[in-house]
């Protein structure tokens, strides 16, 4: 009974979801990912913590939803992960380029990257985006030292994003997918599965 009364404070699910997402974005921006709790988001949104879990699941899921990405990278990259680490760089790049070169996705993705690269978004990039979105890819692929390898992968991907889509530097801005994949995939694959400096090879 009390649960229904608390949920009844907001007239509809869309309003409730919007309030939770707005509160989450503010909390993540102010406190960072590690400093944000589901309870704090719920309190700011005026709902029960259980309702946040009901709509969004874990804090990781809430973070991804709060980013307002046009696609969930964990979903679109699932087929890449399922096929294992061999050739993962090429598959990952092809998915990445297909998403970014879709006109419906480009503007919101650019807005996200600009926000994450600004000083106020750097903490979210370090302990949010890298840990929640990028890091688990390496774990799911089963590679060794994913905590070391995946930031190296991210350095290549973010560099490509910055030069191709934000700054539109040629020849990257107009380079065909096959050429980009042939250029970047070997380096990213080495970061994923190859020997790293200071570590013995397989």
N, C-alpha and C. Protein backbone atom coordinates (compact mmCIF):
# COMPACT_ATOMS: atom_id res chain seq x y z
N UNK A 1 0.82 -1.20 0.00
CA UNK A 1 0.00 0.00 0.00
C UNK A 1 0.86 1.26 0.00
N UNK A 2 1.87 1.24 0.89
CA UNK A 2 2.72 2.41 0.96
C UNK A 2 3.53 2.58 -0.32
N UNK A 3 3.94 1.45 -0.93
CA UNK A 3 4.68 1.54 -2.17
C UNK A 3 3.85 2.17 -3.26
N UNK A 4 2.56 1.78 -3.33
CA UNK A 4 1.70 2.37 -4.35
C UNK A 4 1.54 3.86 -4.10
N UNK A 5 1.44 4.25 -2.85
CA UNK A 5 1.27 5.67 -2.54
C UNK A 5 2.50 6.46 -2.96
N UNK A 6 3.69 5.89 -2.71
CA UNK A 6 4.90 6.61 -3.09
C UNK A 6 5.01 6.71 -4.60
N UNK A 7 4.70 5.63 -5.29
CA UNK A 7 4.79 5.68 -6.75
C UNK A 7 3.73 6.60 -7.34
N UNK A 8 2.65 6.78 -6.63
CA UNK A 8 1.57 7.60 -7.15
C UNK A 8 1.84 9.08 -7.14
N UNK A 9 3.00 9.45 -6.58
CA UNK A 9 3.30 10.87 -6.55
C UNK A 9 3.57 11.43 -7.94
N UNK A 10 3.93 10.55 -8.86
CA UNK A 10 4.14 11.02 -10.22
C UNK A 10 3.07 10.38 -11.11
N UNK A 11 2.46 11.16 -12.02
CA UNK A 11 1.28 10.69 -12.73
C UNK A 11 1.52 9.61 -13.76
N UNK A 12 2.73 9.47 -14.29
CA UNK A 12 2.91 8.49 -15.35
C UNK A 12 4.34 8.05 -15.46
N UNK A 13 4.52 6.88 -16.05
CA UNK A 13 5.86 6.32 -16.19
C UNK A 13 6.82 7.22 -16.96
N UNK A 14 6.40 7.82 -18.09
CA UNK A 14 7.33 8.69 -18.81
C UNK A 14 7.84 9.83 -17.94
N UNK A 15 6.96 10.46 -17.14
CA UNK A 15 7.39 11.53 -16.26
C UNK A 15 8.36 11.02 -15.21
N UNK A 16 8.09 9.85 -14.67
CA UNK A 16 8.95 9.27 -13.64
C UNK A 16 10.32 8.95 -14.22
N UNK A 17 10.33 8.31 -15.35
CA UNK A 17 11.61 7.98 -16.00
C UNK A 17 12.41 9.24 -16.30
N UNK A 18 11.73 10.26 -16.82
CA UNK A 18 12.42 11.50 -17.15
C UNK A 18 13.01 12.16 -15.90
N UNK A 19 12.26 12.12 -14.80
CA UNK A 19 12.75 12.71 -13.56
C UNK A 19 13.97 11.95 -13.04
N UNK A 20 13.93 10.63 -13.13
CA UNK A 20 15.06 9.82 -12.68
C UNK A 20 16.29 10.09 -13.54
N UNK A 21 16.10 10.15 -14.86
CA UNK A 21 17.23 10.39 -15.75
C UNK A 21 17.83 11.78 -15.53
N UNK A 22 16.98 12.77 -15.33
CA UNK A 22 17.48 14.13 -15.07
C UNK A 22 18.28 14.16 -13.78
N UNK A 23 17.77 13.50 -12.75
CA UNK A 23 18.48 13.44 -11.47
C UNK A 23 19.79 12.68 -11.62
N UNK A 24 19.77 11.61 -12.38
CA UNK A 24 20.98 10.81 -12.58
C UNK A 24 22.05 11.61 -13.30
N UNK A 25 21.67 12.33 -14.36
CA UNK A 25 22.65 13.12 -15.09
C UNK A 25 23.30 14.16 -14.18
N UNK A 26 22.49 14.80 -13.35
CA UNK A 26 23.02 15.81 -12.44
C UNK A 26 23.95 15.18 -11.40
N UNK A 27 23.54 14.04 -10.84
CA UNK A 27 24.35 13.37 -9.83
C UNK A 27 25.67 12.87 -10.43
N UNK A 28 25.61 12.25 -11.61
CA UNK A 28 26.83 11.75 -12.22
C UNK A 28 27.78 12.91 -12.57
N UNK A 29 27.22 14.02 -13.03
CA UNK A 29 28.05 15.17 -13.40
C UNK A 29 28.70 15.80 -12.17
N UNK A 30 27.97 15.85 -11.07
CA UNK A 30 28.48 16.52 -9.86
C UNK A 30 29.38 15.61 -9.02
N UNK A 31 28.99 14.36 -8.87
CA UNK A 31 29.70 13.45 -7.96
C UNK A 31 30.55 12.42 -8.67
N UNK A 32 30.47 12.37 -10.01
CA UNK A 32 31.17 11.31 -10.72
C UNK A 32 30.44 9.99 -10.60
N UNK A 33 30.91 9.00 -11.34
CA UNK A 33 30.24 7.70 -11.31
C UNK A 33 30.38 7.03 -9.95
N UNK A 34 31.62 6.99 -9.43
CA UNK A 34 31.84 6.28 -8.17
C UNK A 34 31.17 6.97 -6.99
N UNK A 35 30.99 8.29 -7.08
CA UNK A 35 30.38 9.02 -5.98
C UNK A 35 28.87 9.09 -6.03
N UNK A 36 28.28 8.54 -7.07
CA UNK A 36 26.82 8.56 -7.23
C UNK A 36 26.23 7.24 -6.75
N UNK A 37 25.14 7.33 -6.02
CA UNK A 37 24.44 6.13 -5.56
C UNK A 37 23.01 6.14 -6.09
N UNK A 38 22.44 4.96 -6.17
CA UNK A 38 21.04 4.84 -6.58
C UNK A 38 20.14 5.59 -5.60
N UNK A 39 20.46 5.51 -4.31
CA UNK A 39 19.65 6.20 -3.30
C UNK A 39 19.68 7.71 -3.50
N UNK A 40 20.86 8.25 -3.83
CA UNK A 40 20.97 9.70 -4.05
C UNK A 40 20.16 10.12 -5.28
N UNK A 41 20.22 9.32 -6.32
CA UNK A 41 19.44 9.63 -7.53
C UNK A 41 17.95 9.58 -7.21
N UNK A 42 17.55 8.54 -6.48
CA UNK A 42 16.13 8.39 -6.13
C UNK A 42 15.65 9.57 -5.29
N UNK A 43 16.47 9.99 -4.32
CA UNK A 43 16.08 11.11 -3.47
C UNK A 43 15.94 12.39 -4.29
N UNK A 44 16.87 12.62 -5.21
CA UNK A 44 16.80 13.83 -6.03
C UNK A 44 15.59 13.81 -6.96
N UNK A 45 15.19 12.60 -7.38
CA UNK A 45 14.05 12.47 -8.28
C UNK A 45 12.72 12.39 -7.53
N UNK A 46 12.78 12.22 -6.21
CA UNK A 46 11.55 12.13 -5.42
C UNK A 46 10.84 10.80 -5.57
N UNK A 47 11.62 9.73 -5.75
CA UNK A 47 11.02 8.40 -5.88
C UNK A 47 11.77 7.43 -4.97
N UNK A 48 11.28 6.21 -4.86
CA UNK A 48 11.96 5.18 -4.10
C UNK A 48 13.15 4.63 -4.90
N UNK A 49 14.18 4.20 -4.18
CA UNK A 49 15.32 3.57 -4.83
C UNK A 49 14.89 2.33 -5.61
N UNK A 50 13.90 1.61 -5.07
CA UNK A 50 13.42 0.40 -5.75
C UNK A 50 12.84 0.73 -7.12
N UNK A 51 12.28 1.92 -7.25
CA UNK A 51 11.70 2.31 -8.53
C UNK A 51 12.80 2.59 -9.56
N UNK A 52 13.92 3.14 -9.11
CA UNK A 52 15.06 3.36 -10.01
C UNK A 52 15.55 2.01 -10.54
N UNK A 53 15.68 1.04 -9.62
CA UNK A 53 16.09 -0.30 -10.05
C UNK A 53 15.06 -0.92 -11.00
N UNK A 54 13.78 -0.67 -10.72
CA UNK A 54 12.72 -1.23 -11.56
C UNK A 54 12.83 -0.73 -13.00
N UNK A 55 13.07 0.56 -13.17
CA UNK A 55 13.14 1.14 -14.51
C UNK A 55 14.48 0.91 -15.20
N UNK A 56 15.58 0.95 -14.43
CA UNK A 56 16.89 0.99 -15.07
C UNK A 56 17.84 -0.13 -14.67
N UNK A 57 17.48 -0.94 -13.67
CA UNK A 57 18.36 -2.03 -13.29
C UNK A 57 19.50 -1.56 -12.40
N UNK A 58 20.73 -1.85 -12.80
CA UNK A 58 21.90 -1.52 -12.00
C UNK A 58 22.34 -0.08 -12.20
N UNK A 59 23.32 0.34 -11.41
CA UNK A 59 23.86 1.68 -11.59
C UNK A 59 24.56 1.80 -12.94
N UNK A 60 25.19 0.73 -13.40
CA UNK A 60 25.80 0.75 -14.73
C UNK A 60 24.75 1.02 -15.80
N UNK A 61 23.61 0.33 -15.70
CA UNK A 61 22.53 0.52 -16.68
C UNK A 61 21.99 1.95 -16.62
N UNK A 62 21.86 2.49 -15.42
CA UNK A 62 21.38 3.85 -15.26
C UNK A 62 22.36 4.84 -15.88
N UNK A 63 23.65 4.60 -15.70
CA UNK A 63 24.66 5.48 -16.27
C UNK A 63 24.57 5.51 -17.78
N UNK A 64 24.46 4.34 -18.40
CA UNK A 64 24.37 4.27 -19.86
C UNK A 64 23.10 4.98 -20.34
N UNK A 65 21.98 4.78 -19.62
CA UNK A 65 20.73 5.45 -20.00
C UNK A 65 20.87 6.97 -19.86
N UNK A 66 21.56 7.42 -18.81
CA UNK A 66 21.72 8.85 -18.58
C UNK A 66 22.59 9.51 -19.64
N UNK A 67 23.46 8.75 -20.27
CA UNK A 67 24.27 9.30 -21.35
C UNK A 67 23.43 9.66 -22.57
N UNK A 68 22.23 9.07 -22.66
CA UNK A 68 21.31 9.31 -23.78
C UNK A 68 21.95 8.96 -25.12
N UNK A 69 22.66 7.84 -25.15
CA UNK A 69 23.21 7.37 -26.41
C UNK A 69 22.09 6.89 -27.32
N UNK A 70 22.24 7.10 -28.63
CA UNK A 70 21.21 6.61 -29.55
C UNK A 70 21.17 5.09 -29.63
N UNK A 71 22.27 4.44 -29.26
CA UNK A 71 22.32 2.98 -29.18
C UNK A 71 23.07 2.61 -27.91
N UNK A 72 22.78 1.43 -27.38
CA UNK A 72 23.50 0.93 -26.22
C UNK A 72 24.72 0.16 -26.75
N UNK A 73 25.93 0.66 -26.48
CA UNK A 73 27.12 -0.01 -27.03
C UNK A 73 27.26 -1.44 -26.55
N UNK A 74 26.74 -1.75 -25.39
CA UNK A 74 26.83 -3.13 -24.88
C UNK A 74 26.00 -4.08 -25.73
N UNK A 75 24.93 -3.56 -26.32
CA UNK A 75 24.06 -4.39 -27.17
C UNK A 75 24.63 -4.53 -28.57
N UNK A 76 25.05 -3.40 -29.17
CA UNK A 76 25.53 -3.47 -30.55
C UNK A 76 26.87 -4.20 -30.64
N UNK A 77 27.62 -4.23 -29.54
CA UNK A 77 28.91 -4.92 -29.56
C UNK A 77 28.80 -6.38 -29.11
N UNK A 78 27.62 -6.81 -28.69
CA UNK A 78 27.45 -8.19 -28.24
C UNK A 78 27.88 -9.21 -29.29
N UNK A 79 27.51 -9.04 -30.58
CA UNK A 79 27.96 -10.01 -31.59
C UNK A 79 29.48 -10.04 -31.75
N UNK A 80 30.12 -8.87 -31.56
CA UNK A 80 31.58 -8.82 -31.61
C UNK A 80 32.18 -9.68 -30.52
N UNK A 81 31.64 -9.56 -29.33
CA UNK A 81 32.15 -10.28 -28.16
C UNK A 81 31.91 -11.78 -28.29
N UNK A 82 30.73 -12.14 -28.80
CA UNK A 82 30.37 -13.56 -28.89
C UNK A 82 31.34 -14.35 -29.76
N UNK A 83 31.97 -13.69 -30.73
CA UNK A 83 32.88 -14.39 -31.64
C UNK A 83 34.31 -14.48 -31.10
N UNK A 84 34.54 -13.96 -29.91
CA UNK A 84 35.83 -14.12 -29.27
C UNK A 84 36.84 -13.06 -29.65
N UNK A 85 38.04 -13.14 -29.06
CA UNK A 85 39.03 -12.08 -29.24
C UNK A 85 39.70 -12.04 -30.61
N UNK A 86 39.83 -13.18 -31.27
CA UNK A 86 40.48 -13.18 -32.59
C UNK A 86 39.65 -12.39 -33.59
N UNK A 87 40.27 -11.39 -34.20
CA UNK A 87 39.56 -10.55 -35.17
C UNK A 87 38.59 -9.57 -34.56
N UNK A 88 38.61 -9.44 -33.23
CA UNK A 88 37.64 -8.56 -32.57
C UNK A 88 37.82 -7.10 -32.95
N UNK A 89 39.05 -6.68 -33.20
CA UNK A 89 39.29 -5.27 -33.53
C UNK A 89 38.59 -4.88 -34.83
N UNK A 90 38.71 -5.73 -35.84
CA UNK A 90 38.05 -5.42 -37.12
C UNK A 90 36.54 -5.37 -36.95
N UNK A 91 35.98 -6.35 -36.26
CA UNK A 91 34.53 -6.38 -36.06
C UNK A 91 34.07 -5.16 -35.25
N UNK A 92 34.82 -4.82 -34.21
CA UNK A 92 34.48 -3.68 -33.37
C UNK A 92 34.49 -2.37 -34.17
N UNK A 93 35.51 -2.20 -34.98
CA UNK A 93 35.61 -0.99 -35.78
C UNK A 93 34.47 -0.87 -36.78
N UNK A 94 34.08 -1.98 -37.39
CA UNK A 94 32.99 -1.93 -38.37
C UNK A 94 31.67 -1.54 -37.70
N UNK A 95 31.42 -2.07 -36.50
CA UNK A 95 30.23 -1.67 -35.76
C UNK A 95 30.31 -0.19 -35.39
N UNK A 96 31.43 0.20 -34.87
CA UNK A 96 31.66 1.58 -34.45
C UNK A 96 31.43 2.56 -35.61
N UNK A 97 32.01 2.26 -36.77
CA UNK A 97 31.86 3.16 -37.92
C UNK A 97 30.43 3.18 -38.44
N UNK A 98 29.74 2.05 -38.41
CA UNK A 98 28.36 2.02 -38.89
C UNK A 98 27.45 2.87 -38.01
N UNK A 99 27.74 2.88 -36.70
CA UNK A 99 26.95 3.71 -35.79
C UNK A 99 27.25 5.18 -36.00
N UNK A 100 28.52 5.53 -36.03
CA UNK A 100 28.90 6.93 -36.14
C UNK A 100 28.54 7.55 -37.49
N UNK A 101 28.57 6.76 -38.55
CA UNK A 101 28.27 7.31 -39.87
C UNK A 101 26.78 7.29 -40.20
N UNK A 102 25.97 6.85 -39.26
CA UNK A 102 24.51 6.95 -39.41
C UNK A 102 24.09 8.38 -39.06
N UNK A 103 23.48 9.13 -39.99
CA UNK A 103 23.11 10.52 -39.70
C UNK A 103 22.19 10.68 -38.49
N UNK A 104 21.37 9.69 -38.22
CA UNK A 104 20.47 9.78 -37.07
C UNK A 104 21.21 9.68 -35.74
N UNK A 105 22.41 9.12 -35.76
CA UNK A 105 23.17 8.93 -34.53
C UNK A 105 24.25 9.98 -34.32
N UNK A 106 24.68 10.62 -35.41
CA UNK A 106 25.88 11.47 -35.35
C UNK A 106 25.77 12.61 -34.35
N UNK A 107 24.71 13.40 -34.41
CA UNK A 107 24.62 14.59 -33.54
C UNK A 107 24.59 14.24 -32.06
N UNK A 108 23.73 13.31 -31.61
CA UNK A 108 23.76 12.99 -30.18
C UNK A 108 25.08 12.39 -29.74
N UNK A 109 25.74 11.62 -30.59
CA UNK A 109 27.03 11.06 -30.24
C UNK A 109 28.09 12.15 -30.12
N UNK A 110 28.05 13.11 -31.02
CA UNK A 110 29.00 14.23 -30.95
C UNK A 110 28.79 15.04 -29.68
N UNK A 111 27.53 15.25 -29.31
CA UNK A 111 27.24 15.98 -28.08
C UNK A 111 27.79 15.26 -26.86
N UNK A 112 27.64 13.94 -26.84
CA UNK A 112 28.16 13.15 -25.73
C UNK A 112 29.67 13.27 -25.63
N UNK A 113 30.36 13.09 -26.75
CA UNK A 113 31.82 13.11 -26.73
C UNK A 113 32.33 14.48 -26.32
N UNK A 114 31.71 15.54 -26.84
CA UNK A 114 32.14 16.89 -26.44
C UNK A 114 32.00 17.06 -24.93
N UNK A 115 30.89 16.57 -24.38
CA UNK A 115 30.66 16.69 -22.94
C UNK A 115 31.68 15.91 -22.12
N UNK A 116 32.02 14.71 -22.58
CA UNK A 116 32.97 13.88 -21.85
C UNK A 116 34.39 14.42 -21.92
N UNK A 117 34.71 15.13 -23.00
CA UNK A 117 36.06 15.65 -23.16
C UNK A 117 36.26 17.00 -22.48
N UNK A 118 35.17 17.65 -22.07
CA UNK A 118 35.29 18.92 -21.35
C UNK A 118 35.76 18.64 -19.92
N UNK A 119 36.37 19.65 -19.25
CA UNK A 119 36.86 19.43 -17.88
C UNK A 119 35.81 18.85 -16.94
N UNK A 120 34.57 19.29 -17.05
CA UNK A 120 33.53 18.80 -16.15
C UNK A 120 33.17 17.34 -16.42
N UNK A 121 33.52 16.86 -17.59
CA UNK A 121 33.17 15.49 -17.94
C UNK A 121 34.33 14.51 -17.83
N UNK A 122 35.50 15.00 -17.46
CA UNK A 122 36.67 14.13 -17.45
C UNK A 122 36.58 13.04 -16.40
N UNK A 123 36.00 13.35 -15.24
CA UNK A 123 35.84 12.34 -14.21
C UNK A 123 34.89 11.24 -14.68
N UNK A 124 33.82 11.65 -15.37
CA UNK A 124 32.89 10.65 -15.90
C UNK A 124 33.56 9.78 -16.94
N UNK A 125 34.45 10.36 -17.73
CA UNK A 125 35.17 9.56 -18.72
C UNK A 125 36.07 8.54 -18.04
N UNK A 126 36.76 8.98 -16.98
CA UNK A 126 37.72 8.08 -16.32
C UNK A 126 37.03 6.97 -15.54
N UNK A 127 36.11 7.34 -14.64
CA UNK A 127 35.56 6.29 -13.76
C UNK A 127 34.15 5.87 -14.13
N UNK A 128 33.63 6.42 -15.23
CA UNK A 128 32.31 6.03 -15.69
C UNK A 128 32.36 5.35 -17.03
N UNK A 129 32.59 6.12 -18.07
CA UNK A 129 32.52 5.59 -19.43
C UNK A 129 33.54 4.48 -19.66
N UNK A 130 34.79 4.69 -19.20
CA UNK A 130 35.81 3.66 -19.41
C UNK A 130 35.50 2.40 -18.62
N UNK A 131 35.05 2.57 -17.37
CA UNK A 131 34.80 1.40 -16.53
C UNK A 131 33.51 0.68 -16.87
N UNK A 132 32.47 1.45 -17.25
CA UNK A 132 31.15 0.86 -17.46
C UNK A 132 30.96 0.37 -18.90
N UNK A 133 31.49 1.11 -19.86
CA UNK A 133 31.24 0.79 -21.27
C UNK A 133 32.44 0.09 -21.92
N UNK A 134 33.64 0.64 -21.73
CA UNK A 134 34.81 0.10 -22.43
C UNK A 134 35.40 -1.11 -21.72
N UNK A 135 35.64 -0.98 -20.43
CA UNK A 135 36.29 -2.05 -19.67
C UNK A 135 35.61 -3.41 -19.78
N UNK A 136 34.29 -3.48 -19.61
CA UNK A 136 33.62 -4.78 -19.67
C UNK A 136 33.76 -5.50 -21.01
N UNK A 137 34.05 -4.77 -22.07
CA UNK A 137 34.25 -5.44 -23.36
C UNK A 137 35.45 -6.37 -23.28
N UNK A 138 36.54 -5.88 -22.68
CA UNK A 138 37.73 -6.70 -22.54
C UNK A 138 37.49 -7.90 -21.64
N UNK A 139 36.76 -7.69 -20.56
CA UNK A 139 36.45 -8.80 -19.65
C UNK A 139 35.63 -9.85 -20.38
N UNK A 140 34.61 -9.41 -21.12
CA UNK A 140 33.74 -10.35 -21.83
C UNK A 140 34.49 -11.10 -22.93
N UNK A 141 35.49 -10.45 -23.54
CA UNK A 141 36.28 -11.12 -24.57
C UNK A 141 37.24 -12.14 -23.97
N UNK A 142 37.47 -12.04 -22.67
CA UNK A 142 38.35 -13.00 -22.02
C UNK A 142 39.83 -12.72 -22.22
N UNK A 143 40.19 -11.48 -22.56
CA UNK A 143 41.61 -11.16 -22.75
C UNK A 143 42.29 -10.99 -21.39
N UNK A 144 43.60 -11.16 -21.38
CA UNK A 144 44.32 -10.94 -20.14
C UNK A 144 44.55 -9.44 -19.92
N UNK A 145 44.63 -9.04 -18.69
CA UNK A 145 44.88 -7.65 -18.31
C UNK A 145 43.93 -6.65 -19.01
N UNK A 146 42.63 -6.88 -18.96
CA UNK A 146 41.73 -5.95 -19.64
C UNK A 146 41.82 -4.54 -19.07
N UNK A 147 42.15 -4.42 -17.78
CA UNK A 147 42.25 -3.09 -17.18
C UNK A 147 43.42 -2.30 -17.77
N UNK A 148 44.38 -2.98 -18.34
CA UNK A 148 45.51 -2.32 -19.00
C UNK A 148 45.28 -2.16 -20.49
N UNK A 149 44.67 -3.16 -21.10
CA UNK A 149 44.51 -3.16 -22.55
C UNK A 149 43.39 -2.23 -23.04
N UNK A 150 42.26 -2.21 -22.33
CA UNK A 150 41.12 -1.48 -22.86
C UNK A 150 41.32 0.05 -22.89
N UNK A 151 42.04 0.66 -21.93
CA UNK A 151 42.34 2.09 -22.11
C UNK A 151 43.18 2.35 -23.35
N UNK A 152 44.06 1.40 -23.72
CA UNK A 152 44.83 1.57 -24.95
C UNK A 152 43.91 1.52 -26.17
N UNK A 153 42.95 0.59 -26.14
CA UNK A 153 41.96 0.53 -27.22
C UNK A 153 41.18 1.84 -27.28
N UNK A 154 40.76 2.33 -26.12
CA UNK A 154 39.99 3.57 -26.07
C UNK A 154 40.79 4.74 -26.63
N UNK A 155 42.11 4.74 -26.42
CA UNK A 155 42.92 5.85 -26.94
C UNK A 155 42.86 5.92 -28.46
N UNK A 156 42.83 4.77 -29.11
CA UNK A 156 42.73 4.75 -30.56
C UNK A 156 41.34 5.16 -31.03
N UNK A 157 40.32 4.62 -30.36
CA UNK A 157 38.95 4.91 -30.76
C UNK A 157 38.62 6.39 -30.56
N UNK A 158 39.00 6.93 -29.40
CA UNK A 158 38.72 8.35 -29.13
C UNK A 158 39.52 9.26 -30.04
N UNK A 159 40.74 8.84 -30.36
CA UNK A 159 41.52 9.62 -31.32
C UNK A 159 40.86 9.66 -32.68
N UNK A 160 40.35 8.52 -33.13
CA UNK A 160 39.66 8.45 -34.41
C UNK A 160 38.39 9.30 -34.38
N UNK A 161 37.63 9.22 -33.29
CA UNK A 161 36.42 10.03 -33.16
C UNK A 161 36.76 11.51 -33.27
N UNK A 162 37.78 11.92 -32.52
CA UNK A 162 38.14 13.34 -32.48
C UNK A 162 38.55 13.85 -33.85
N UNK A 163 39.40 13.11 -34.53
CA UNK A 163 39.92 13.58 -35.81
C UNK A 163 38.91 13.43 -36.95
N UNK A 164 38.17 12.33 -36.98
CA UNK A 164 37.25 12.09 -38.10
C UNK A 164 35.94 12.86 -37.95
N UNK A 165 35.39 12.88 -36.73
CA UNK A 165 34.04 13.41 -36.56
C UNK A 165 33.97 14.79 -35.91
N UNK A 166 34.86 15.07 -34.96
CA UNK A 166 34.83 16.39 -34.31
C UNK A 166 35.60 17.42 -35.13
N UNK A 167 36.84 17.13 -35.46
CA UNK A 167 37.68 18.09 -36.19
C UNK A 167 37.60 17.93 -37.70
N UNK A 168 37.10 16.78 -38.16
CA UNK A 168 36.96 16.49 -39.59
C UNK A 168 38.27 16.70 -40.35
N UNK A 169 39.32 16.09 -39.81
CA UNK A 169 40.65 16.19 -40.40
C UNK A 169 40.76 15.19 -41.55
N UNK A 170 41.22 15.67 -42.69
CA UNK A 170 41.46 14.80 -43.84
C UNK A 170 42.85 14.18 -43.74
N UNK A 171 43.02 12.99 -44.24
CA UNK A 171 42.08 12.19 -45.04
C UNK A 171 41.11 11.35 -44.20
N UNK A 172 41.22 11.42 -42.85
CA UNK A 172 40.38 10.56 -42.02
C UNK A 172 38.89 10.84 -42.20
N UNK A 173 38.54 12.12 -42.38
CA UNK A 173 37.13 12.51 -42.42
C UNK A 173 36.38 11.85 -43.58
N UNK A 174 37.05 11.62 -44.67
CA UNK A 174 36.38 11.06 -45.85
C UNK A 174 36.90 9.67 -46.21
N UNK A 175 37.71 9.08 -45.36
CA UNK A 175 38.29 7.77 -45.67
C UNK A 175 37.21 6.69 -45.64
N UNK A 176 37.14 5.81 -46.62
CA UNK A 176 36.16 4.72 -46.63
C UNK A 176 36.38 3.77 -45.45
N UNK A 177 35.31 3.08 -45.08
CA UNK A 177 35.37 2.18 -43.94
C UNK A 177 36.47 1.14 -44.08
N UNK A 178 36.56 0.51 -45.24
CA UNK A 178 37.54 -0.55 -45.42
C UNK A 178 38.97 -0.05 -45.19
N UNK A 179 39.23 1.16 -45.64
CA UNK A 179 40.57 1.73 -45.47
C UNK A 179 40.84 2.06 -44.00
N UNK A 180 39.83 2.61 -43.32
CA UNK A 180 39.98 2.90 -41.90
C UNK A 180 40.21 1.63 -41.09
N UNK A 181 39.45 0.60 -41.41
CA UNK A 181 39.59 -0.67 -40.69
C UNK A 181 40.98 -1.25 -40.94
N UNK A 182 41.43 -1.23 -42.19
CA UNK A 182 42.75 -1.77 -42.51
C UNK A 182 43.86 -0.99 -41.81
N UNK A 183 43.62 0.30 -41.56
CA UNK A 183 44.63 1.15 -40.91
C UNK A 183 44.65 0.96 -39.41
N UNK A 184 43.47 0.92 -38.79
CA UNK A 184 43.38 0.93 -37.33
C UNK A 184 43.31 -0.46 -36.71
N UNK A 185 42.71 -1.42 -37.39
CA UNK A 185 42.45 -2.72 -36.77
C UNK A 185 43.72 -3.43 -36.29
N UNK A 186 44.82 -3.43 -37.07
CA UNK A 186 46.01 -4.13 -36.58
C UNK A 186 46.53 -3.59 -35.25
N UNK A 187 46.51 -2.26 -35.09
CA UNK A 187 46.98 -1.67 -33.85
C UNK A 187 46.05 -2.00 -32.69
N UNK A 188 44.74 -1.90 -32.92
CA UNK A 188 43.77 -2.20 -31.86
C UNK A 188 43.81 -3.68 -31.50
N UNK A 189 43.99 -4.54 -32.52
CA UNK A 189 44.07 -5.97 -32.23
C UNK A 189 45.32 -6.29 -31.39
N UNK A 190 46.41 -5.58 -31.66
CA UNK A 190 47.61 -5.78 -30.85
C UNK A 190 47.36 -5.36 -29.41
N UNK A 191 46.62 -4.27 -29.24
CA UNK A 191 46.28 -3.85 -27.88
C UNK A 191 45.40 -4.89 -27.19
N UNK A 192 44.56 -5.54 -27.94
CA UNK A 192 43.64 -6.53 -27.36
C UNK A 192 44.34 -7.84 -27.01
N UNK A 193 45.15 -8.35 -27.92
CA UNK A 193 45.67 -9.71 -27.75
C UNK A 193 47.17 -9.85 -27.90
N UNK A 194 47.86 -8.83 -28.38
CA UNK A 194 49.29 -8.95 -28.61
C UNK A 194 50.11 -8.70 -27.35
N UNK A 195 51.41 -8.97 -27.42
CA UNK A 195 52.29 -8.67 -26.29
C UNK A 195 52.38 -7.17 -26.07
N UNK A 196 52.41 -6.77 -24.82
CA UNK A 196 52.53 -5.37 -24.45
C UNK A 196 53.94 -5.10 -23.92
N UNK A 197 54.45 -3.89 -24.08
CA UNK A 197 55.76 -3.57 -23.55
C UNK A 197 55.84 -3.86 -22.05
N UNK A 198 56.94 -4.46 -21.65
CA UNK A 198 57.12 -4.75 -20.24
C UNK A 198 56.50 -6.05 -19.80
N UNK A 199 55.84 -6.77 -20.73
CA UNK A 199 55.23 -8.04 -20.42
C UNK A 199 55.73 -9.10 -21.41
N UNK A 200 55.99 -10.32 -20.96
CA UNK A 200 56.42 -11.37 -21.91
C UNK A 200 55.30 -11.69 -22.87
N UNK A 201 55.63 -12.08 -24.06
CA UNK A 201 54.63 -12.47 -25.04
C UNK A 201 54.02 -13.80 -24.70
N UNK A 202 52.94 -14.19 -25.40
CA UNK A 202 52.27 -15.47 -25.12
C UNK A 202 53.16 -16.64 -25.50
